[in-house]
Amino acid sequence: MDANMLAKAFPATPAASLHKLLSPDGINKKYLDDIKDRREFVDQSHAFRKLSEEKNLQSEVLKQAYELEGCVRNTGIPRLWYHHYT
């Protein structure tokens, strides 16, 4: 599975984010409630989460992407920290 296949596996809804799908506590419950009427998004979300839990290169890529989501470009400073202290 290459990067293009990972991108296509991600739910095509604006409500989705890596932090909502890959949280250590499981998929965000509010997110699931927001998409409950769209079964294809619910199924995609669970399938994407399952991909991240495998032991392979793709899951490592997803874990790294989870850590990087929200970082300000070229600074390495997480967005929440940046907005809190500026």
PDB file of N, CA and C in Angstrom:
ATOM      1  N   MET A   1       0.855  -1.179   0.000  1.00  0.00           N
ATOM      2  CA  MET A   1       0.000   0.000   0.000  1.00  0.00           C
ATOM      3  C   MET A   1       0.894   1.234   0.000  1.00  0.00           C
ATOM      4  N   ASP A   2       0.693   2.100  -0.948  1.00  0.00           N
ATOM      5  CA  ASP A   2       1.497   3.314  -1.027  1.00  0.00           C
ATOM      6  C   ASP A   2       0.731   4.507  -0.446  1.00  0.00           C
ATOM      7  N   ALA A   3       1.361   5.676  -0.527  1.00  0.00           N
ATOM      8  CA  ALA A   3       0.755   6.876   0.060  1.00  0.00           C
ATOM      9  C   ALA A   3      -0.592   7.199  -0.573  1.00  0.00           C
ATOM     10  N   ASN A   4      -0.720   6.991  -1.879  1.00  0.00           N
ATOM     11  CA  ASN A   4      -1.982   7.263  -2.559  1.00  0.00           C
ATOM     12  C   ASN A   4      -3.100   6.375  -2.010  1.00  0.00           C
ATOM     13  N   MET A   5      -2.787   5.120  -1.752  1.00  0.00           N
ATOM     14  CA  MET A   5      -3.795   4.210  -1.213  1.00  0.00           C
ATOM     15  C   MET A   5      -4.178   4.606   0.211  1.00  0.00           C
ATOM     16  N   LEU A   6      -3.203   5.077   0.999  1.00  0.00           N
ATOM     17  CA  LEU A   6      -3.520   5.559   2.351  1.00  0.00           C
ATOM     18  C   LEU A   6      -4.439   6.776   2.274  1.00  0.00           C
ATOM     19  N   ALA A   7      -4.142   7.670   1.347  1.00  0.00           N
ATOM     20  CA  ALA A   7      -4.962   8.873   1.203  1.00  0.00           C
ATOM     21  C   ALA A   7      -6.389   8.513   0.794  1.00  0.00           C
ATOM     22  N   LYS A   8      -6.533   7.538  -0.084  1.00  0.00           N
ATOM     23  CA  LYS A   8      -7.869   7.125  -0.514  1.00  0.00           C
ATOM     24  C   LYS A   8      -8.618   6.383   0.584  1.00  0.00           C
ATOM     25  N   ALA A   9      -7.891   5.780   1.523  1.00  0.00           N
ATOM     26  CA  ALA A   9      -8.526   5.063   2.630  1.00  0.00           C
ATOM     27  C   ALA A   9      -9.088   6.031   3.669  1.00  0.00           C
ATOM     28  N   PHE A  10      -8.598   7.270   3.692  1.00  0.00           N
ATOM     29  CA  PHE A  10      -9.048   8.267   4.658  1.00  0.00           C
ATOM     30  C   PHE A  10     -10.470   8.706   4.305  1.00  0.00           C
ATOM     31  N   PRO A  11     -11.365   8.791   5.288  1.00  0.00           N
ATOM     32  CA  PRO A  11     -12.755   9.190   5.020  1.00  0.00           C
ATOM     33  C   PRO A  11     -12.835  10.566   4.350  1.00  0.00           C
ATOM     34  N   ALA A  12     -13.622  10.655   3.310  1.00  0.00           N
ATOM     35  CA  ALA A  12     -13.747  11.886   2.526  1.00  0.00           C
ATOM     36  C   ALA A  12     -14.826  12.795   3.104  1.00  0.00           C
ATOM     37  N   THR A  13     -14.666  13.132   4.358  1.00  0.00           N
ATOM     38  CA  THR A  13     -15.593  14.053   5.017  1.00  0.00           C
ATOM     39  C   THR A  13     -14.787  15.145   5.717  1.00  0.00           C
ATOM     40  N   PRO A  14     -15.237  16.394   5.650  1.00  0.00           N
ATOM     41  CA  PRO A  14     -14.521  17.481   6.328  1.00  0.00           C
ATOM     42  C   PRO A  14     -14.432  17.282   7.843  1.00  0.00           C
ATOM     43  N   ALA A  15     -15.302  16.470   8.395  1.00  0.00           N
ATOM     44  CA  ALA A  15     -15.302  16.249   9.844  1.00  0.00           C
ATOM     45  C   ALA A  15     -14.140  15.368  10.296  1.00  0.00           C
ATOM     46  N   ALA A  16     -13.519  14.647   9.365  1.00  0.00           N
ATOM     47  CA  ALA A  16     -12.462  13.694   9.728  1.00  0.00           C
ATOM     48  C   ALA A  16     -11.114  14.385   9.922  1.00  0.00           C
ATOM     49  N   SER A  17     -10.358  13.887  10.877  1.00  0.00           N
ATOM     50  CA  SER A  17      -8.972  14.303  11.082  1.00  0.00           C
ATOM     51  C   SER A  17      -8.223  13.121  11.672  1.00  0.00           C
ATOM     52  N   LEU A  18      -6.918  13.141  11.535  1.00  0.00           N
ATOM     53  CA  LEU A  18      -6.123  12.051  12.102  1.00  0.00           C
ATOM     54  C   LEU A  18      -6.308  11.978  13.613  1.00  0.00           C
ATOM     55  N   HIS A  19      -6.401  13.125  14.247  1.00  0.00           N
ATOM     56  CA  HIS A  19      -6.559  13.115  15.711  1.00  0.00           C
ATOM     57  C   HIS A  19      -7.903  12.532  16.136  1.00  0.00           C
ATOM     58  N   LYS A  20      -8.919  12.706  15.334  1.00  0.00           N
ATOM     59  CA  LYS A  20     -10.226  12.119  15.661  1.00  0.00           C
ATOM     60  C   LYS A  20     -10.243  10.621  15.392  1.00  0.00           C
ATOM     61  N   LEU A  21      -9.528  10.183  14.359  1.00  0.00           N
ATOM     62  CA  LEU A  21      -9.545   8.773  13.981  1.00  0.00           C
ATOM     63  C   LEU A  21      -8.527   7.929  14.727  1.00  0.00           C
ATOM     64  N   LEU A  22      -7.368   8.506  15.057  1.00  0.00           N
ATOM     65  CA  LEU A  22      -6.272   7.713  15.601  1.00  0.00           C
ATOM     66  C   LEU A  22      -5.965   7.996  17.068  1.00  0.00           C
ATOM     67  N   SER A  23      -6.877   8.618  17.751  1.00  0.00           N
ATOM     68  CA  SER A  23      -6.678   8.906  19.179  1.00  0.00           C
ATOM     69  C   SER A  23      -6.408   7.616  19.951  1.00  0.00           C
ATOM     70  N   PRO A  24      -5.514   7.663  20.932  1.00  0.00           N
ATOM     71  CA  PRO A  24      -5.246   6.464  21.739  1.00  0.00           C
ATOM     72  C   PRO A  24      -6.491   5.887  22.409  1.00  0.00           C
ATOM     73  N   ASP A  25      -7.508   6.714  22.637  1.00  0.00           N
ATOM     74  CA  ASP A  25      -8.751   6.265  23.274  1.00  0.00           C
ATOM     75  C   ASP A  25      -9.747   5.686  22.272  1.00  0.00           C
ATOM     76  N   GLY A  26      -9.377   5.615  21.004  1.00  0.00           N
ATOM     77  CA  GLY A  26     -10.290   5.138  19.974  1.00  0.00           C
ATOM     78  C   GLY A  26     -10.825   6.293  19.154  1.00  0.00           C
ATOM     79  N   ILE A  27     -11.653   5.981  18.200  1.00  0.00           N
ATOM     80  CA  ILE A  27     -12.224   7.025  17.342  1.00  0.00           C
ATOM     81  C   ILE A  27     -13.090   7.948  18.199  1.00  0.00           C
ATOM     82  N   ASN A  28     -12.930   9.239  17.973  1.00  0.00           N
ATOM     83  CA  ASN A  28     -13.644  10.263  18.721  1.00  0.00           C
ATOM     84  C   ASN A  28     -15.150  10.049  18.646  1.00  0.00           C
ATOM     85  N   LYS A  29     -15.795   9.968  19.789  1.00  0.00           N
ATOM     86  CA  LYS A  29     -17.226   9.664  19.853  1.00  0.00           C
ATOM     87  C   LYS A  29     -18.091  10.773  19.245  1.00  0.00           C
ATOM     88  N   LYS A  30     -17.716  12.027  19.431  1.00  0.00           N
ATOM     89  CA  LYS A  30     -18.476  13.129  18.835  1.00  0.00           C
ATOM     90  C   LYS A  30     -18.386  13.058  17.313  1.00  0.00           C
ATOM     91  N   TYR A  31     -17.206  12.743  16.802  1.00  0.00           N
ATOM     92  CA  TYR A  31     -17.029  12.582  15.361  1.00  0.00           C
ATOM     93  C   TYR A  31     -17.940  11.476  14.842  1.00  0.00           C
ATOM     94  N   LEU A  32     -17.936  10.329  15.530  1.00  0.00           N
ATOM     95  CA  LEU A  32     -18.791   9.218  15.109  1.00  0.00           C
ATOM     96  C   LEU A  32     -20.267   9.601  15.157  1.00  0.00           C
ATOM     97  N   ASP A  33     -20.637  10.381  16.166  1.00  0.00           N
ATOM     98  CA  ASP A  33     -22.025  10.836  16.268  1.00  0.00           C
ATOM     99  C   ASP A  33     -22.381  11.773  15.110  1.00  0.00           C
ATOM    100  N   ASP A  34     -21.416  12.630  14.720  1.00  0.00           N
ATOM    101  CA  ASP A  34     -21.648  13.568  13.621  1.00  0.00           C
ATOM    102  C   ASP A  34     -21.843  12.866  12.284  1.00  0.00           C
ATOM    103  N   ILE A  35     -21.203  11.700  12.099  1.00  0.00           N
ATOM    104  CA  ILE A  35     -21.275  11.013  10.805  1.00  0.00           C
ATOM    105  C   ILE A  35     -22.162   9.765  10.839  1.00  0.00           C
ATOM    106  N   LYS A  36     -22.882   9.561  11.916  1.00  0.00           N
ATOM    107  CA  LYS A  36     -23.644   8.322  12.097  1.00  0.00           C
ATOM    108  C   LYS A  36     -24.643   8.047  10.971  1.00  0.00           C
ATOM    109  N   ASP A  37     -25.126   9.088  10.320  1.00  0.00           N
ATOM    110  CA  ASP A  37     -26.084   8.908   9.232  1.00  0.00           C
ATOM    111  C   ASP A  37     -25.416   8.594   7.893  1.00  0.00           C
ATOM    112  N   ARG A  38     -24.096   8.655   7.856  1.00  0.00           N
ATOM    113  CA  ARG A  38     -23.349   8.367   6.626  1.00  0.00           C
ATOM    114  C   ARG A  38     -22.548   7.087   6.828  1.00  0.00           C
ATOM    115  N   ARG A  39     -23.172   5.964   6.598  1.00  0.00           N
ATOM    116  CA  ARG A  39     -22.590   4.654   6.884  1.00  0.00           C
ATOM    117  C   ARG A  39     -21.239   4.443   6.198  1.00  0.00           C
ATOM    118  N   GLU A  40     -21.087   4.979   4.975  1.00  0.00           N
ATOM    119  CA  GLU A  40     -19.814   4.789   4.271  1.00  0.00           C
ATOM    120  C   GLU A  40     -18.659   5.470   5.003  1.00  0.00           C
ATOM    121  N   PHE A  41     -18.926   6.630   5.629  1.00  0.00           N
ATOM    122  CA  PHE A  41     -17.889   7.318   6.392  1.00  0.00           C
ATOM    123  C   PHE A  41     -17.571   6.567   7.683  1.00  0.00           C
ATOM    124  N   VAL A  42     -18.585   6.024   8.307  1.00  0.00           N
ATOM    125  CA  VAL A  42     -18.375   5.234   9.525  1.00  0.00           C
ATOM    126  C   VAL A  42     -17.516   4.015   9.200  1.00  0.00           C
ATOM    127  N   ASP A  43     -17.849   3.318   8.126  1.00  0.00           N
ATOM    128  CA  ASP A  43     -17.081   2.137   7.724  1.00  0.00           C
ATOM    129  C   ASP A  43     -15.650   2.504   7.346  1.00  0.00           C
ATOM    130  N   GLN A  44     -15.488   3.598   6.584  1.00  0.00           N
ATOM    131  CA  GLN A  44     -14.142   4.054   6.210  1.00  0.00           C
ATOM    132  C   GLN A  44     -13.327   4.425   7.445  1.00  0.00           C
ATOM    133  N   SER A  45     -13.971   5.046   8.408  1.00  0.00           N
ATOM    134  CA  SER A  45     -13.272   5.463   9.626  1.00  0.00           C
ATOM    135  C   SER A  45     -12.742   4.259  10.399  1.00  0.00           C
ATOM    136  N   HIS A  46     -13.567   3.248  10.541  1.00  0.00           N
ATOM    137  CA  HIS A  46     -13.136   2.048  11.257  1.00  0.00           C
ATOM    138  C   HIS A  46     -12.056   1.293  10.482  1.00  0.00           C
ATOM    139  N   ALA A  47     -12.176   1.240   9.159  1.00  0.00           N
ATOM    140  CA  ALA A  47     -11.165   0.575   8.336  1.00  0.00           C
ATOM    141  C   ALA A  47      -9.834   1.321   8.413  1.00  0.00           C
ATOM    142  N   PHE A  48      -9.889   2.662   8.407  1.00  0.00           N
ATOM    143  CA  PHE A  48      -8.663   3.466   8.502  1.00  0.00           C
ATOM    144  C   PHE A  48      -8.002   3.259   9.858  1.00  0.00           C
ATOM    145  N   ARG A  49      -8.804   3.229  10.904  1.00  0.00           N
ATOM    146  CA  ARG A  49      -8.274   2.980  12.251  1.00  0.00           C
ATOM    147  C   ARG A  49      -7.588   1.611  12.300  1.00  0.00           C
ATOM    148  N   LYS A  50      -8.210   0.620  11.695  1.00  0.00           N
ATOM    149  CA  LYS A  50      -7.649  -0.727  11.668  1.00  0.00           C
ATOM    150  C   LYS A  50      -6.299  -0.745  10.942  1.00  0.00           C
ATOM    151  N   LEU A  51      -6.194   0.013   9.849  1.00  0.00           N
ATOM    152  CA  LEU A  51      -4.915   0.120   9.137  1.00  0.00           C
ATOM    153  C   LEU A  51      -3.809   0.623  10.064  1.00  0.00           C
ATOM    154  N   SER A  52      -4.151   1.588  10.896  1.00  0.00           N
ATOM    155  CA  SER A  52      -3.151   2.193  11.784  1.00  0.00           C
ATOM    156  C   SER A  52      -2.715   1.254  12.901  1.00  0.00           C
ATOM    157  N   GLU A  53      -3.490   0.229  13.177  1.00  0.00           N
ATOM    158  CA  GLU A  53      -3.172  -0.684  14.278  1.00  0.00           C
ATOM    159  C   GLU A  53      -2.365  -1.893  13.837  1.00  0.00           C
ATOM    160  N   GLU A  54      -2.151  -2.036  12.525  1.00  0.00           N
ATOM    161  CA  GLU A  54      -1.343  -3.145  12.027  1.00  0.00           C
ATOM    162  C   GLU A  54       0.131  -2.880  12.329  1.00  0.00           C
ATOM    163  N   LYS A  55       0.935  -3.881  12.181  1.00  0.00           N
ATOM    164  CA  LYS A  55       2.379  -3.753  12.417  1.00  0.00           C
ATOM    165  C   LYS A  55       3.094  -3.778  11.067  1.00  0.00           C
ATOM    166  N   ASN A  56       3.107  -2.624  10.392  1.00  0.00           N
ATOM    167  CA  ASN A  56       3.773  -2.532   9.104  1.00  0.00           C
ATOM    168  C   ASN A  56       4.181  -1.083   8.832  1.00  0.00           C
ATOM    169  N   LEU A  57       4.774  -0.860   7.674  1.00  0.00           N
ATOM    170  CA  LEU A  57       5.256   0.470   7.327  1.00  0.00           C
ATOM    171  C   LEU A  57       4.113   1.481   7.237  1.00  0.00           C
ATOM    172  N   GLN A  58       2.977   1.066   6.707  1.00  0.00           N
ATOM    173  CA  GLN A  58       1.845   1.987   6.573  1.00  0.00           C
ATOM    174  C   GLN A  58       1.368   2.489   7.934  1.00  0.00           C
ATOM    175  N   SER A  59       1.321   1.616   8.920  1.00  0.00           N
ATOM    176  CA  SER A  59       0.885   2.055  10.250  1.00  0.00           C
ATOM    177  C   SER A  59       1.903   3.011  10.862  1.00  0.00           C
ATOM    178  N   GLU A  60       3.182   2.796  10.572  1.00  0.00           N
ATOM    179  CA  GLU A  60       4.211   3.717  11.070  1.00  0.00           C
ATOM    180  C   GLU A  60       4.064   5.093  10.423  1.00  0.00           C
ATOM    181  N   VAL A  61       3.738   5.112   9.131  1.00  0.00           N
ATOM    182  CA  VAL A  61       3.501   6.376   8.433  1.00  0.00           C
ATOM    183  C   VAL A  61       2.309   7.105   9.061  1.00  0.00           C
ATOM    184  N   LEU A  62       1.247   6.377   9.335  1.00  0.00           N
ATOM    185  CA  LEU A  62       0.060   6.989   9.943  1.00  0.00           C
ATOM    186  C   LEU A  62       0.347   7.515  11.343  1.00  0.00           C
ATOM    187  N   LYS A  63       1.136   6.780  12.107  1.00  0.00           N
ATOM    188  CA  LYS A  63       1.488   7.248  13.458  1.00  0.00           C
ATOM    189  C   LYS A  63       2.311   8.529  13.386  1.00  0.00           C
ATOM    190  N   GLN A  64       3.239   8.597  12.433  1.00  0.00           N
ATOM    191  CA  GLN A  64       4.045   9.809  12.275  1.00  0.00           C
ATOM    192  C   GLN A  64       3.173  10.969  11.813  1.00  0.00           C
ATOM    193  N   ALA A  65       2.264  10.707  10.899  1.00  0.00           N
ATOM    194  CA  ALA A  65       1.346  11.748  10.423  1.00  0.00           C
ATOM    195  C   ALA A  65       0.476  12.260  11.565  1.00  0.00           C
ATOM    196  N   TYR A  66       0.033  11.357  12.442  1.00  0.00           N
ATOM    197  CA  TYR A  66      -0.757  11.738  13.612  1.00  0.00           C
ATOM    198  C   TYR A  66       0.024  12.728  14.477  1.00  0.00           C
ATOM    199  N   GLU A  67       1.300  12.453  14.671  1.00  0.00           N
ATOM    200  CA  GLU A  67       2.136  13.337  15.487  1.00  0.00           C
ATOM    201  C   GLU A  67       2.346  14.700  14.817  1.00  0.00           C
ATOM    202  N   LEU A  68       2.417  14.698  13.487  1.00  0.00           N
ATOM    203  CA  LEU A  68       2.704  15.942  12.764  1.00  0.00           C
ATOM    204  C   LEU A  68       1.468  16.786  12.483  1.00  0.00           C
ATOM    205  N   GLU A  69       0.286  16.187  12.515  1.00  0.00           N
ATOM    206  CA  GLU A  69      -0.935  16.938  12.208  1.00  0.00           C
ATOM    207  C   GLU A  69      -1.075  18.109  13.173  1.00  0.00           C
ATOM    208  N   GLY A  70      -1.245  19.287  12.611  1.00  0.00           N
ATOM    209  CA  GLY A  70      -1.419  20.478  13.431  1.00  0.00           C
ATOM    210  C   GLY A  70      -0.139  21.250  13.680  1.00  0.00           C
ATOM    211  N   CYS A  71       0.996  20.731  13.215  1.00  0.00           N
ATOM    212  CA  CYS A  71       2.249  21.466  13.373  1.00  0.00           C
ATOM    213  C   CYS A  71       2.291  22.624  12.386  1.00  0.00           C
ATOM    214  N   VAL A  72       2.850  23.732  12.832  1.00  0.00           N
ATOM    215  CA  VAL A  72       3.036  24.871  11.952  1.00  0.00           C
ATOM    216  C   VAL A  72       4.180  24.528  11.013  1.00  0.00           C
ATOM    217  N   ARG A  73       4.027  24.808   9.748  1.00  0.00           N
ATOM    218  CA  ARG A  73       5.044  24.461   8.763  1.00  0.00           C
ATOM    219  C   ARG A  73       6.400  25.054   9.087  1.00  0.00           C
ATOM    220  N   ASN A  74       7.415  24.260   8.883  1.00  0.00           N
ATOM    221  CA  ASN A  74       8.816  24.664   8.967  1.00  0.00           C
ATOM    222  C   ASN A  74       9.262  25.133  10.349  1.00  0.00           C
ATOM    223  N   THR A  75       8.454  24.945  11.376  1.00  0.00           N
ATOM    224  CA  THR A  75       8.886  25.357  12.710  1.00  0.00           C
ATOM    225  C   THR A  75       8.905  24.190  13.673  1.00  0.00           C
ATOM    226  N   GLY A  76       8.045  23.202  13.429  1.00  0.00           N
ATOM    227  CA  GLY A  76       7.962  22.068  14.340  1.00  0.00           C
ATOM    228  C   GLY A  76       7.191  22.398  15.605  1.00  0.00           C
ATOM    229  N   ILE A  77       6.582  23.575  15.664  1.00  0.00           N
ATOM    230  CA  ILE A  77       5.835  23.984  16.851  1.00  0.00           C
ATOM    231  C   ILE A  77       4.378  23.566  16.661  1.00  0.00           C
ATOM    232  N   PRO A  78       3.821  22.764  17.565  1.00  0.00           N
ATOM    233  CA  PRO A  78       2.409  22.377  17.435  1.00  0.00           C
ATOM    234  C   PRO A  78       1.496  23.597  17.416  1.00  0.00           C
ATOM    235  N   ARG A  79       0.450  23.517  16.620  1.00  0.00           N
ATOM    236  CA  ARG A  79      -0.471  24.635  16.431  1.00  0.00           C
ATOM    237  C   ARG A  79      -1.049  25.119  17.757  1.00  0.00           C
ATOM    238  N   LEU A  80      -1.440  24.217  18.652  1.00  0.00           N
ATOM    239  CA  LEU A  80      -2.038  24.637  19.921  1.00  0.00           C
ATOM    240  C   LEU A  80      -1.049  25.442  20.755  1.00  0.00           C
ATOM    241  N   TRP A  81       0.195  25.001  20.793  1.00  0.00           N
ATOM    242  CA  TRP A  81       1.210  25.729  21.541  1.00  0.00           C
ATOM    243  C   TRP A  81       1.409  27.093  20.917  1.00  0.00           C
ATOM    244  N   TYR A  82       1.508  27.151  19.610  1.00  0.00           N
ATOM    245  CA  TYR A  82       1.763  28.383  18.889  1.00  0.00           C
ATOM    246  C   TYR A  82       0.680  29.414  19.176  1.00  0.00           C
ATOM    247  N   HIS A  83      -0.590  29.023  19.077  1.00  0.00           N
ATOM    248  CA  HIS A  83      -1.671  29.979  19.303  1.00  0.00           C
ATOM    249  C   HIS A  83      -1.805  30.354  20.780  1.00  0.00           C
ATOM    250  N   HIS A  84      -1.432  29.457  21.655  1.00  0.00           N
ATOM    251  CA  HIS A  84      -1.554  29.731  23.083  1.00  0.00           C
ATOM    252  C   HIS A  84      -0.527  30.768  23.544  1.00  0.00           C
ATOM    253  N   TYR A  85       0.677  30.710  22.970  1.00  0.00           N
ATOM    254  CA  TYR A  85       1.749  31.577  23.447  1.00  0.00           C
ATOM    255  C   TYR A  85       2.064  32.754  22.545  1.00  0.00           C
ATOM    256  N   THR A  86       1.243  32.982  21.526  1.00  0.00           N
ATOM    257  CA  THR A  86       1.522  34.138  20.670  1.00  0.00           C
ATOM    258  C   THR A  86       0.415  35.158  20.775  1.00  0.00           C
TER     259      THR A  86
END
